[in-house]
Amino acid sequence: MLNNSNNYLGFESIGEFISEDEWIHPVRSIKSYELIFVIRGTVYIFEDDTEYELNADECILLEPGRIHGGARKSLGFTSFYWFHLLQKN
């Protein structure tokens, strides 16, 4: 987590994910923060040992270096924006 008022988040990449079929987020650990903002459907995701269910107009900020991935499959149409942000000094 950001621990100093001199730190800020810098943009790395952004995209929109759309799936019309069942889908599950891959399990991984990355070096950036990942912000997921759900547009439609439900996203089931975990970070370390905590599971989340995200619906339209909800978001989550996943921290770098922690394991995250799909807690279970999302069914039907699913859409969300994802943002990758790096901590800067």
Protein backbone atom coordinates (compact mmCIF):
# COMPACT_ATOMS: atom_id res chain seq x y z
CA MET A 1 0.00 0.00 0.00
CA LEU A 2 1.14 3.55 -0.53
CA ASN A 3 2.93 4.52 2.65
CA ASN A 4 4.37 7.97 2.02
CA SER A 5 2.77 11.24 0.98
CA ASN A 6 5.56 11.67 -1.61
CA ASN A 7 4.43 8.52 -3.46
CA TYR A 8 1.79 8.44 -6.16
CA LEU A 9 0.44 6.01 -8.74
CA GLY A 10 1.51 6.32 -12.36
CA PHE A 11 -0.40 4.95 -15.34
CA GLU A 12 0.89 1.74 -16.95
CA SER A 13 -1.95 0.38 -19.10
CA ILE A 14 -5.73 0.28 -19.46
CA GLY A 15 -8.24 -1.87 -21.28
CA GLU A 16 -11.78 -3.15 -21.50
CA PHE A 17 -12.57 -6.84 -20.99
CA ILE A 18 -15.70 -8.33 -22.57
CA SER A 19 -16.84 -11.96 -22.50
CA GLU A 20 -20.13 -13.38 -23.71
CA ASP A 21 -19.33 -16.87 -22.37
CA GLU A 22 -18.26 -18.25 -19.00
CA TRP A 23 -14.92 -16.84 -17.89
CA ILE A 24 -12.54 -16.92 -14.94
CA HIS A 25 -9.70 -14.48 -14.16
CA PRO A 26 -6.25 -16.14 -14.42
CA VAL A 27 -4.34 -16.68 -11.17
CA ARG A 28 -1.22 -14.51 -11.00
CA SER A 29 0.93 -12.07 -9.07
CA ILE A 30 1.92 -8.85 -10.85
CA LYS A 31 4.16 -5.86 -10.09
CA SER A 32 1.43 -3.24 -10.55
CA TYR A 33 -1.77 -2.26 -8.82
CA GLU A 34 -4.81 -3.45 -10.78
CA LEU A 35 -8.06 -1.52 -10.58
CA ILE A 36 -11.09 -3.41 -11.90
CA PHE A 37 -14.35 -1.50 -12.49
CA VAL A 38 -17.29 -3.74 -13.44
CA ILE A 39 -19.63 -2.51 -16.17
CA ARG A 40 -21.90 -5.55 -16.55
CA GLY A 41 -22.20 -9.03 -15.07
CA THR A 42 -20.47 -10.38 -11.98
CA VAL A 43 -16.73 -10.87 -11.42
CA TYR A 44 -15.66 -13.36 -8.75
CA ILE A 45 -12.09 -12.62 -7.69
CA PHE A 46 -9.78 -13.35 -4.80
CA GLU A 47 -6.68 -11.66 -3.44
CA ASP A 48 -4.63 -13.92 -1.17
CA ASP A 49 -7.23 -15.58 1.10
CA THR A 50 -10.09 -13.09 0.61
CA GLU A 51 -12.84 -13.59 -1.99
CA TYR A 52 -14.89 -10.79 -3.58
CA GLU A 53 -18.05 -10.68 -5.68
CA LEU A 54 -18.12 -7.56 -7.85
CA ASN A 55 -21.23 -6.40 -9.70
CA ALA A 56 -21.96 -3.50 -12.06
CA ASP A 57 -20.67 -0.13 -10.77
CA GLU A 58 -18.37 -1.77 -8.20
CA CYS A 59 -14.59 -1.79 -8.22
CA ILE A 60 -11.59 -3.26 -6.46
CA LEU A 61 -7.94 -2.23 -6.20
CA LEU A 62 -5.66 -5.28 -6.17
CA GLU A 63 -2.22 -4.77 -4.67
CA PRO A 64 1.10 -5.61 -6.36
CA GLY A 65 2.96 -8.72 -5.31
CA ARG A 66 -0.14 -10.47 -3.96
CA ILE A 67 -1.71 -13.53 -5.59
CA HIS A 68 -5.06 -12.80 -7.23
CA GLY A 69 -7.35 -14.63 -9.63
CA GLY A 70 -10.83 -15.92 -10.27
CA ALA A 71 -12.64 -17.27 -7.23
CA ARG A 72 -15.11 -19.00 -9.59
CA LYS A 73 -16.41 -18.70 -13.14
CA SER A 74 -18.42 -15.71 -14.25
CA LEU A 75 -21.40 -16.81 -16.34
CA GLY A 76 -23.04 -14.95 -19.22
CA PHE A 77 -22.04 -11.49 -20.41
CA THR A 78 -19.26 -9.93 -18.33
CA SER A 79 -17.62 -6.56 -18.96
CA PHE A 80 -15.15 -4.47 -16.97
CA TYR A 81 -12.44 -1.87 -17.35
CA TRP A 82 -9.00 -2.68 -15.97
CA PHE A 83 -6.25 -0.23 -15.10
CA HIS A 84 -2.65 -1.11 -14.22
CA LEU A 85 -0.91 1.49 -12.06
CA LEU A 86 2.66 1.59 -10.80
CA GLN A 87 3.82 3.17 -7.56
CA LYS A 88 6.09 6.14 -8.22
CA ASN A 89 8.32 8.07 -5.82
